[in-house]
Amino acid sequence: MAKLKVGVIGVGGIARSHFPGWAASEHAEIVAGSDINPKVLDAFADKTGATKLVTDPKELFQDPDIDIIDVCTPNNYHAPLSIAALNAGKHVICEKPLAPNPSQIKKMIAARDNSGKMLMTAQHFRFQGKSKAMKAELDTGVLGDIYHARSWMLRRSGAPVRPGFILKEHSGGGPCIDIGVHILDLTLWFMGNPRPVAVTGVARTEIAHQKGAWTRMDGGARIPRKFDVEDMAAAFVRFENGATLVLEVSWLLHHNTMGEDMQMWLYGTKGGSHW
């Protein structure tokens, strides 16, 4: 059976973490890429062997030989690119978050349904061995009714400095929809995807704008003054079944970690669990 052909949009950033997966697949292969920066397209070709390199993603949508589009651009461009790809009859895997707001995601889902193709968000933590093992155990009902969860993904000095992350016009938000979506997705999955009915929260920028603010990310750099997204967010969520969730996310927090502290605690009527 012939391999499915993949075209990647936005090849210079997070896409580089996708390349090994596509290379290892027995079912698909990268054949094309699109980026607004011609220099990264050359590096992409050297890395993947892709032969079709374009600066206009429409050329990938119009190519009948391409089966799958892998969207790896900043967040605010996920929805229009994914919708255009689906409308062109392509399957789509899109980096998280699918989009910065629910209305755009609903349009993406509608385009998926109308096209009959598949739309997937790249929530890779679900596929780790420990995650799959815990989900299987939780599905046996071992915790009883899960009535409360505490989840966080925190960095001490881990803010990216690239415009696609720190400018709202490109990203739509900061750590809450960058790394927060990972632990939130995993928590909701483990809880059985209860329906949220009320959310209260805060989004703050307390560290990024301090004089001399610095990050270890991107090789170590001062944080640009144009940084206009939150650097920390927290939320309290109530669900239709009565369960509750406390969520905390930050790129920059005076927290005792040199890397990334990602944890989840689930509390049930028969027991608790820690991821």
C-alpha atoms as a PDB file:
ATOM      1  CA  MET A   1       0.000   0.000   0.000  1.00  0.00           C
ATOM      2  CA  ALA A   2       1.361   3.413  -0.964  1.00  0.00           C
ATOM      3  CA  LYS A   3       2.284   5.780   1.842  1.00  0.00           C
ATOM      4  CA  LEU A   4       0.115   8.811   2.526  1.00  0.00           C
ATOM      5  CA  LYS A   5       1.813  12.031   1.452  1.00  0.00           C
ATOM      6  CA  VAL A   6       2.263  14.796   4.056  1.00  0.00           C
ATOM      7  CA  GLY A   7       2.693  18.529   3.567  1.00  0.00           C
ATOM      8  CA  VAL A   8       3.871  20.600   6.542  1.00  0.00           C
ATOM      9  CA  ILE A   9       2.943  24.263   7.020  1.00  0.00           C
ATOM     10  CA  GLY A  10       5.328  26.224   9.247  1.00  0.00           C
ATOM     11  CA  VAL A  11       8.504  24.158   9.126  1.00  0.00           C
ATOM     12  CA  GLY A  12      10.941  26.143  11.267  1.00  0.00           C
ATOM     13  CA  GLY A  13       9.646  25.724  14.822  1.00  0.00           C
ATOM     14  CA  ILE A  14       7.618  23.012  16.574  1.00  0.00           C
ATOM     15  CA  ALA A  15       7.408  21.137  13.270  1.00  0.00           C
ATOM     16  CA  ARG A  16      10.918  19.864  13.926  1.00  0.00           C
ATOM     17  CA  SER A  17       9.514  17.704  16.731  1.00  0.00           C
ATOM     18  CA  HIS A  18       7.056  16.190  14.228  1.00  0.00           C
ATOM     19  CA  PHE A  19       9.679  15.133  11.684  1.00  0.00           C
ATOM     20  CA  PRO A  20      10.955  12.048  13.597  1.00  0.00           C
ATOM     21  CA  GLY A  21       7.417  10.733  13.979  1.00  0.00           C
ATOM     22  CA  TRP A  22       6.634  11.041  10.308  1.00  0.00           C
ATOM     23  CA  ALA A  23      10.008   9.477   9.451  1.00  0.00           C
ATOM     24  CA  ALA A  24       9.246   6.502  11.713  1.00  0.00           C
ATOM     25  CA  SER A  25       5.781   5.943  10.260  1.00  0.00           C
ATOM     26  CA  GLU A  26       5.188   2.977   7.991  1.00  0.00           C
ATOM     27  CA  HIS A  27       2.078   4.671   6.616  1.00  0.00           C
ATOM     28  CA  ALA A  28       3.064   8.244   5.740  1.00  0.00           C
ATOM     29  CA  GLU A  29       5.957  10.380   4.545  1.00  0.00           C
ATOM     30  CA  ILE A  30       6.717  14.087   4.283  1.00  0.00           C
ATOM     31  CA  VAL A  31       6.910  15.239   0.671  1.00  0.00           C
ATOM     32  CA  ALA A  32       6.278  18.988   0.880  1.00  0.00           C
ATOM     33  CA  GLY A  33       6.538  22.045   3.086  1.00  0.00           C
ATOM     34  CA  SER A  34       5.395  25.647   3.192  1.00  0.00           C
ATOM     35  CA  ASP A  35       6.838  28.545   5.174  1.00  0.00           C
ATOM     36  CA  ILE A  36       7.050  32.314   4.837  1.00  0.00           C
ATOM     37  CA  ASN A  37      10.824  32.055   5.383  1.00  0.00           C
ATOM     38  CA  PRO A  38      12.646  30.528   2.378  1.00  0.00           C
ATOM     39  CA  LYS A  39      15.770  29.870   4.482  1.00  0.00           C
ATOM     40  CA  VAL A  40      14.007  27.461   6.822  1.00  0.00           C
ATOM     41  CA  LEU A  41      12.502  25.696   3.808  1.00  0.00           C
ATOM     42  CA  ASP A  42      16.000  24.799   2.631  1.00  0.00           C
ATOM     43  CA  ALA A  43      16.885  23.383   6.059  1.00  0.00           C
ATOM     44  CA  PHE A  44      13.577  21.510   6.081  1.00  0.00           C
ATOM     45  CA  ALA A  45      14.358  19.914   2.717  1.00  0.00           C
ATOM     46  CA  ASP A  46      17.799  18.821   3.934  1.00  0.00           C
ATOM     47  CA  LYS A  47      16.242  17.259   7.047  1.00  0.00           C
ATOM     48  CA  THR A  48      13.239  15.503   5.516  1.00  0.00           C
ATOM     49  CA  GLY A  49      14.046  15.029   1.838  1.00  0.00           C
ATOM     50  CA  ALA A  50      10.905  16.931   0.840  1.00  0.00           C
ATOM     51  CA  THR A  51      11.027  18.123  -2.746  1.00  0.00           C
ATOM     52  CA  LYS A  52       8.072  20.516  -2.925  1.00  0.00           C
ATOM     53  CA  LEU A  53       8.921  23.769  -1.147  1.00  0.00           C
ATOM     54  CA  VAL A  54       6.537  26.742  -1.342  1.00  0.00           C
ATOM     55  CA  THR A  55       5.858  29.995   0.477  1.00  0.00           C
ATOM     56  CA  ASP A  56       2.126  29.921  -0.265  1.00  0.00           C
ATOM     57  CA  PRO A  57       0.281  27.079   1.530  1.00  0.00           C
ATOM     58  CA  LYS A  58      -2.471  27.175  -1.093  1.00  0.00           C
ATOM     59  CA  GLU A  59      -0.094  25.293  -3.368  1.00  0.00           C
ATOM     60  CA  LEU A  60      -0.164  22.377  -0.921  1.00  0.00           C
ATOM     61  CA  PHE A  61      -3.964  22.446  -0.698  1.00  0.00           C
ATOM     62  CA  GLN A  62      -4.220  22.380  -4.490  1.00  0.00           C
ATOM     63  CA  ASP A  63      -1.800  19.482  -4.908  1.00  0.00           C
ATOM     64  CA  PRO A  64      -3.822  16.282  -5.539  1.00  0.00           C
ATOM     65  CA  ASP A  65      -0.894  14.107  -4.456  1.00  0.00           C
ATOM     66  CA  ILE A  66      -0.894  15.443  -0.878  1.00  0.00           C
ATOM     67  CA  ASP A  67      -3.160  13.547   1.536  1.00  0.00           C
ATOM     68  CA  ILE A  68      -2.368  15.120   4.926  1.00  0.00           C
ATOM     69  CA  ILE A  69      -1.598  18.666   6.040  1.00  0.00           C
ATOM     70  CA  ASP A  70       0.404  19.120   9.258  1.00  0.00           C
ATOM     71  CA  VAL A  71      -0.243  22.655  10.609  1.00  0.00           C
ATOM     72  CA  CYS A  72       2.644  23.915  12.767  1.00  0.00           C
ATOM     73  CA  THR A  73       2.181  27.692  12.597  1.00  0.00           C
ATOM     74  CA  PRO A  74       1.472  30.116  15.468  1.00  0.00           C
ATOM     75  CA  ASN A  75      -1.964  29.640  17.039  1.00  0.00           C
ATOM     76  CA  ASN A  76      -3.898  32.408  15.309  1.00  0.00           C
ATOM     77  CA  TYR A  77      -3.308  30.812  11.905  1.00  0.00           C
ATOM     78  CA  HIS A  78      -4.397  27.284  12.861  1.00  0.00           C
ATOM     79  CA  ALA A  79      -8.088  27.697  12.069  1.00  0.00           C
ATOM     80  CA  PRO A  80      -7.933  29.357   8.631  1.00  0.00           C
ATOM     81  CA  LEU A  81      -5.220  27.008   7.401  1.00  0.00           C
ATOM     82  CA  SER A  82      -6.887  23.877   8.760  1.00  0.00           C
ATOM     83  CA  ILE A  83     -10.287  24.856   7.359  1.00  0.00           C
ATOM     84  CA  ALA A  84      -8.796  25.574   3.940  1.00  0.00           C
ATOM     85  CA  ALA A  85      -7.008  22.221   3.978  1.00  0.00           C
ATOM     86  CA  LEU A  86     -10.149  20.324   4.982  1.00  0.00           C
ATOM     87  CA  ASN A  87     -12.176  22.138   2.330  1.00  0.00           C
ATOM     88  CA  ALA A  88      -9.571  21.006  -0.186  1.00  0.00           C
ATOM     89  CA  GLY A  89     -10.092  17.384   0.831  1.00  0.00           C
ATOM     90  CA  LYS A  90      -7.044  16.897   3.027  1.00  0.00           C
ATOM     91  CA  HIS A  91      -6.766  15.202   6.404  1.00  0.00           C
ATOM     92  CA  VAL A  92      -5.346  17.613   9.014  1.00  0.00           C
ATOM     93  CA  ILE A  93      -3.196  17.240  12.098  1.00  0.00           C
ATOM     94  CA  CYS A  94      -2.926  20.600  13.823  1.00  0.00           C
ATOM     95  CA  GLU A  95      -0.626  21.708  16.611  1.00  0.00           C
ATOM     96  CA  LYS A  96      -2.236  22.524  19.921  1.00  0.00           C
ATOM     97  CA  PRO A  97      -4.325  24.449  20.624  1.00  0.00           C
ATOM     98  CA  LEU A  98      -6.611  23.846  17.666  1.00  0.00           C
ATOM     99  CA  ALA A  99      -7.444  27.569  17.862  1.00  0.00           C
ATOM    100  CA  PRO A 100      -7.386  30.359  20.483  1.00  0.00           C
ATOM    101  CA  ASN A 101     -11.165  30.395  20.980  1.00  0.00           C
ATOM    102  CA  PRO A 102     -14.173  28.028  20.811  1.00  0.00           C
ATOM    103  CA  SER A 103     -15.879  29.764  17.882  1.00  0.00           C
ATOM    104  CA  GLN A 104     -12.927  29.049  15.592  1.00  0.00           C
ATOM    105  CA  ILE A 105     -12.734  25.452  16.774  1.00  0.00           C
ATOM    106  CA  LYS A 106     -16.429  24.952  16.002  1.00  0.00           C
ATOM    107  CA  LYS A 107     -15.773  26.176  12.454  1.00  0.00           C
ATOM    108  CA  MET A 108     -12.895  23.700  12.162  1.00  0.00           C
ATOM    109  CA  ILE A 109     -15.145  20.862  13.335  1.00  0.00           C
ATOM    110  CA  ALA A 110     -17.830  21.896  10.838  1.00  0.00           C
ATOM    111  CA  ALA A 111     -15.253  21.867   8.028  1.00  0.00           C
ATOM    112  CA  ARG A 112     -14.136  18.400   9.144  1.00  0.00           C
ATOM    113  CA  ASP A 113     -17.701  17.099   9.133  1.00  0.00           C
ATOM    114  CA  ASN A 114     -18.452  18.602   5.732  1.00  0.00           C
ATOM    115  CA  SER A 115     -15.256  17.212   4.204  1.00  0.00           C
ATOM    116  CA  GLY A 116     -15.502  13.714   5.618  1.00  0.00           C
ATOM    117  CA  LYS A 117     -11.797  13.935   6.446  1.00  0.00           C
ATOM    118  CA  MET A 118     -10.010  13.603   9.796  1.00  0.00           C
ATOM    119  CA  LEU A 119      -8.978  16.487  12.057  1.00  0.00           C
ATOM    120  CA  MET A 120      -6.612  15.804  14.964  1.00  0.00           C
ATOM    121  CA  THR A 121      -4.924  18.045  17.494  1.00  0.00           C
ATOM    122  CA  ALA A 122      -1.351  17.204  18.489  1.00  0.00           C
ATOM    123  CA  GLN A 123      -1.935  16.417  22.178  1.00  0.00           C
ATOM    124  CA  HIS A 124       0.977  14.006  22.447  1.00  0.00           C
ATOM    125  CA  PHE A 125       0.900  13.454  26.214  1.00  0.00           C
ATOM    126  CA  ARG A 126      -2.130  11.175  25.747  1.00  0.00           C
ATOM    127  CA  PHE A 127       0.084   8.720  23.879  1.00  0.00           C
ATOM    128  CA  GLN A 128       2.805   8.304  26.489  1.00  0.00           C
ATOM    129  CA  GLY A 129       2.917   4.833  28.009  1.00  0.00           C
ATOM    130  CA  LYS A 130       2.240   6.080  31.535  1.00  0.00           C
ATOM    131  CA  SER A 131      -0.748   8.110  30.329  1.00  0.00           C
ATOM    132  CA  LYS A 132      -2.326   5.196  28.477  1.00  0.00           C
ATOM    133  CA  ALA A 133      -1.720   2.904  31.440  1.00  0.00           C
ATOM    134  CA  MET A 134      -3.295   5.331  33.904  1.00  0.00           C
ATOM    135  CA  LYS A 135      -6.299   5.949  31.635  1.00  0.00           C
ATOM    136  CA  ALA A 136      -6.914   2.205  31.353  1.00  0.00           C
ATOM    137  CA  GLU A 137      -6.777   1.854  35.146  1.00  0.00           C
ATOM    138  CA  LEU A 138      -9.036   4.849  35.753  1.00  0.00           C
ATOM    139  CA  ASP A 139     -11.594   3.468  33.312  1.00  0.00           C
ATOM    140  CA  THR A 140     -12.025   0.444  35.602  1.00  0.00           C
ATOM    141  CA  GLY A 141     -13.530   2.792  38.193  1.00  0.00           C
ATOM    142  CA  VAL A 142     -10.712   2.233  40.665  1.00  0.00           C
ATOM    143  CA  LEU A 143     -11.038   5.775  42.081  1.00  0.00           C
ATOM    144  CA  GLY A 144     -14.806   5.709  42.318  1.00  0.00           C
ATOM    145  CA  ASP A 145     -16.381   9.038  41.397  1.00  0.00           C
ATOM    146  CA  ILE A 146     -13.653  11.600  40.659  1.00  0.00           C
ATOM    147  CA  TYR A 147     -14.911  14.753  42.364  1.00  0.00           C
ATOM    148  CA  HIS A 148     -11.822  16.998  42.409  1.00  0.00           C
ATOM    149  CA  ALA A 149      -8.601  17.512  40.442  1.00  0.00           C
ATOM    150  CA  ARG A 150      -5.505  19.693  40.829  1.00  0.00           C
ATOM    151  CA  SER A 151      -3.355  20.212  37.748  1.00  0.00           C
ATOM    152  CA  TRP A 152      -0.438  22.424  36.904  1.00  0.00           C
ATOM    153  CA  MET A 153       2.291  22.971  34.349  1.00  0.00           C
ATOM    154  CA  LEU A 154       4.836  25.445  35.663  1.00  0.00           C
ATOM    155  CA  ARG A 155       8.186  26.811  34.562  1.00  0.00           C
ATOM    156  CA  ARG A 156      10.500  29.020  36.575  1.00  0.00           C
ATOM    157  CA  SER A 157      12.297  30.772  33.710  1.00  0.00           C
ATOM    158  CA  GLY A 158      10.852  29.205  30.606  1.00  0.00           C
ATOM    159  CA  ALA A 159       9.196  31.843  28.463  1.00  0.00           C
ATOM    160  CA  PRO A 160       9.847  31.608  24.729  1.00  0.00           C
ATOM    161  CA  VAL A 161      10.844  34.875  23.088  1.00  0.00           C
ATOM    162  CA  ARG A 162       9.808  34.248  19.494  1.00  0.00           C
ATOM    163  CA  PRO A 163       6.999  36.500  18.194  1.00  0.00           C
ATOM    164  CA  GLY A 164       4.759  33.522  17.476  1.00  0.00           C
ATOM    165  CA  PHE A 165       4.526  32.897  21.227  1.00  0.00           C
ATOM    166  CA  ILE A 166       4.729  36.285  22.944  1.00  0.00           C
ATOM    167  CA  LEU A 167       2.702  38.558  20.652  1.00  0.00           C
ATOM    168  CA  LYS A 168      -1.050  38.144  20.990  1.00  0.00           C
ATOM    169  CA  GLU A 169      -1.611  39.025  17.337  1.00  0.00           C
ATOM    170  CA  HIS A 170       0.100  35.734  16.455  1.00  0.00           C
ATOM    171  CA  SER A 171      -0.438  33.500  19.496  1.00  0.00           C
ATOM    172  CA  GLY A 172      -3.800  34.578  20.916  1.00  0.00           C
ATOM    173  CA  GLY A 173      -2.420  34.052  24.431  1.00  0.00           C
ATOM    174  CA  GLY A 174       0.501  32.944  26.577  1.00  0.00           C
ATOM    175  CA  PRO A 175       1.233  29.835  28.638  1.00  0.00           C
ATOM    176  CA  CYS A 176      -2.442  29.117  29.281  1.00  0.00           C
ATOM    177  CA  ILE A 177      -2.989  28.029  25.668  1.00  0.00           C
ATOM    178  CA  ASP A 178       0.630  27.093  24.973  1.00  0.00           C
ATOM    179  CA  ILE A 179       1.508  24.571  27.679  1.00  0.00           C
ATOM    180  CA  GLY A 180      -1.682  24.754  29.749  1.00  0.00           C
ATOM    181  CA  VAL A 181      -3.665  22.949  27.075  1.00  0.00           C
ATOM    182  CA  HIS A 182      -1.465  19.880  27.591  1.00  0.00           C
ATOM    183  CA  ILE A 183      -2.198  19.304  31.260  1.00  0.00           C
ATOM    184  CA  LEU A 184      -5.813  20.452  30.872  1.00  0.00           C
ATOM    185  CA  ASP A 185      -6.454  18.017  28.014  1.00  0.00           C
ATOM    186  CA  LEU A 186      -4.898  15.150  29.958  1.00  0.00           C
ATOM    187  CA  THR A 187      -6.857  15.981  33.110  1.00  0.00           C
ATOM    188  CA  LEU A 188     -10.205  16.191  31.321  1.00  0.00           C
ATOM    189  CA  TRP A 189      -9.483  12.922  29.517  1.00  0.00           C
ATOM    190  CA  PHE A 190      -8.671  11.160  32.772  1.00  0.00           C
ATOM    191  CA  MET A 191     -11.820  12.597  34.396  1.00  0.00           C
ATOM    192  CA  GLY A 192     -14.002  11.276  31.572  1.00  0.00           C
ATOM    193  CA  ASN A 193     -14.502  14.648  29.852  1.00  0.00           C
ATOM    194  CA  PRO A 194     -17.156  16.091  32.184  1.00  0.00           C
ATOM    195  CA  ARG A 195     -19.049  19.104  30.857  1.00  0.00           C
ATOM    196  CA  PRO A 196     -17.829  22.421  32.344  1.00  0.00           C
ATOM    197  CA  VAL A 197     -20.575  24.757  33.558  1.00  0.00           C
ATOM    198  CA  ALA A 198     -18.624  27.556  35.249  1.00  0.00           C
ATOM    199  CA  VAL A 199     -15.072  28.906  35.070  1.00  0.00           C
ATOM    200  CA  THR A 200     -13.405  31.679  37.035  1.00  0.00           C
ATOM    201  CA  GLY A 201      -9.790  32.619  36.576  1.00  0.00           C
ATOM    202  CA  VAL A 202      -7.014  35.160  36.325  1.00  0.00           C
ATOM    203  CA  ALA A 203      -4.319  35.908  33.761  1.00  0.00           C
ATOM    204  CA  ARG A 204      -1.376  38.001  34.949  1.00  0.00           C
ATOM    205  CA  THR A 205       1.882  39.376  33.587  1.00  0.00           C
ATOM    206  CA  GLU A 206       4.008  39.934  36.680  1.00  0.00           C
ATOM    207  CA  ILE A 207       7.537  38.799  35.804  1.00  0.00           C
ATOM    208  CA  ALA A 208       7.944  39.321  32.054  1.00  0.00           C
ATOM    209  CA  HIS A 209       7.865  43.127  32.245  1.00  0.00           C
ATOM    210  CA  GLN A 210      10.283  43.489  35.147  1.00  0.00           C
ATOM    211  CA  LYS A 211      13.578  45.184  34.363  1.00  0.00           C
ATOM    212  CA  GLY A 212      16.137  42.627  33.252  1.00  0.00           C
ATOM    213  CA  ALA A 213      13.581  39.797  32.951  1.00  0.00           C
ATOM    214  CA  TRP A 214      15.358  36.832  31.409  1.00  0.00           C
ATOM    215  CA  THR A 215      14.495  33.350  30.176  1.00  0.00           C
ATOM    216  CA  ARG A 216      16.427  30.137  29.672  1.00  0.00           C
ATOM    217  CA  MET A 217      14.373  29.349  26.563  1.00  0.00           C
ATOM    218  CA  ASP A 218      15.614  29.848  23.013  1.00  0.00           C
ATOM    219  CA  GLY A 219      19.234  29.646  24.113  1.00  0.00           C
ATOM    220  CA  GLY A 220      18.823  32.189  26.926  1.00  0.00           C
ATOM    221  CA  ALA A 221      17.659  35.738  26.271  1.00  0.00           C
ATOM    222  CA  ARG A 222      16.170  38.887  27.742  1.00  0.00           C
ATOM    223  CA  ILE A 223      12.411  38.976  27.431  1.00  0.00           C
ATOM    224  CA  PRO A 224      11.374  41.588  24.826  1.00  0.00           C
ATOM    225  CA  ARG A 225       9.387  44.571  26.048  1.00  0.00           C
ATOM    226  CA  LYS A 226       6.812  43.898  23.328  1.00  0.00           C
ATOM    227  CA  PHE A 227       5.746  40.740  25.211  1.00  0.00           C
ATOM    228  CA  ASP A 228       1.957  41.293  25.498  1.00  0.00           C
ATOM    229  CA  VAL A 229       0.491  37.965  26.688  1.00  0.00           C
ATOM    230  CA  GLU A 230       0.088  36.621  30.219  1.00  0.00           C
ATOM    231  CA  ASP A 231       3.024  34.897  31.902  1.00  0.00           C
ATOM    232  CA  MET A 232       0.810  33.122  34.472  1.00  0.00           C
ATOM    233  CA  ALA A 233      -2.816  31.970  34.619  1.00  0.00           C
ATOM    234  CA  ALA A 234      -4.974  30.142  37.141  1.00  0.00           C
ATOM    235  CA  ALA A 235      -8.539  28.847  36.992  1.00  0.00           C
ATOM    236  CA  PHE A 236     -11.228  27.128  39.015  1.00  0.00           C
ATOM    237  CA  VAL A 237     -13.634  24.986  36.982  1.00  0.00           C
ATOM    238  CA  ARG A 238     -16.977  23.489  38.030  1.00  0.00           C
ATOM    239  CA  PHE A 239     -18.476  20.615  36.040  1.00  0.00           C
ATOM    240  CA  GLU A 240     -22.039  19.504  35.417  1.00  0.00           C
ATOM    241  CA  ASN A 241     -21.493  16.317  37.461  1.00  0.00           C
ATOM    242  CA  GLY A 242     -20.416  18.372  40.499  1.00  0.00           C
ATOM    243  CA  ALA A 243     -16.681  17.763  40.108  1.00  0.00           C
ATOM    244  CA  THR A 244     -14.163  20.625  40.357  1.00  0.00           C
ATOM    245  CA  LEU A 245     -10.711  21.416  38.980  1.00  0.00           C
ATOM    246  CA  VAL A 246      -7.957  23.827  40.007  1.00  0.00           C
ATOM    247  CA  LEU A 247      -5.574  24.645  37.133  1.00  0.00           C
ATOM    248  CA  GLU A 248      -2.301  26.620  37.312  1.00  0.00           C
ATOM    249  CA  VAL A 249      -0.005  27.437  34.399  1.00  0.00           C
ATOM    250  CA  SER A 250       3.068  29.640  33.993  1.00  0.00           C
ATOM    251  CA  TRP A 251       6.166  30.257  31.910  1.00  0.00           C
ATOM    252  CA  LEU A 252       7.699  32.474  34.605  1.00  0.00           C
ATOM    253  CA  LEU A 253       7.097  31.757  38.269  1.00  0.00           C
ATOM    254  CA  HIS A 254       9.274  31.798  41.405  1.00  0.00           C
ATOM    255  CA  HIS A 255       8.755  28.061  41.683  1.00  0.00           C
ATOM    256  CA  ASN A 256      11.298  25.504  42.816  1.00  0.00           C
ATOM    257  CA  THR A 257      12.022  23.831  39.501  1.00  0.00           C
ATOM    258  CA  MET A 258      14.814  24.154  36.969  1.00  0.00           C
ATOM    259  CA  GLY A 259      12.800  22.522  34.238  1.00  0.00           C
ATOM    260  CA  GLU A 260       9.070  22.032  33.882  1.00  0.00           C
ATOM    261  CA  ASP A 261       6.846  20.919  36.745  1.00  0.00           C
ATOM    262  CA  MET A 262       3.852  19.134  35.216  1.00  0.00           C
ATOM    263  CA  GLN A 263       1.605  17.258  37.646  1.00  0.00           C
ATOM    264  CA  MET A 264      -1.973  16.128  38.154  1.00  0.00           C
ATOM    265  CA  TRP A 265      -3.754  14.875  41.258  1.00  0.00           C
ATOM    266  CA  LEU A 266      -7.162  13.208  40.996  1.00  0.00           C
ATOM    267  CA  TYR A 267      -9.349  12.621  44.032  1.00  0.00           C
ATOM    268  CA  GLY A 268     -12.176  10.084  44.011  1.00  0.00           C
ATOM    269  CA  THR A 269     -14.607   8.537  46.464  1.00  0.00           C
ATOM    270  CA  LYS A 270     -12.528   5.324  46.602  1.00  0.00           C
ATOM    271  CA  GLY A 271      -8.999   6.566  46.046  1.00  0.00           C
ATOM    272  CA  GLY A 272      -6.643   9.119  44.527  1.00  0.00           C
ATOM    273  CA  SER A 273      -3.980   9.167  41.822  1.00  0.00           C
ATOM    274  CA  HIS A 274      -0.937  11.203  40.862  1.00  0.00           C
ATOM    275  CA  TRP A 275       0.388  11.729  37.341  1.00  0.00           C
END
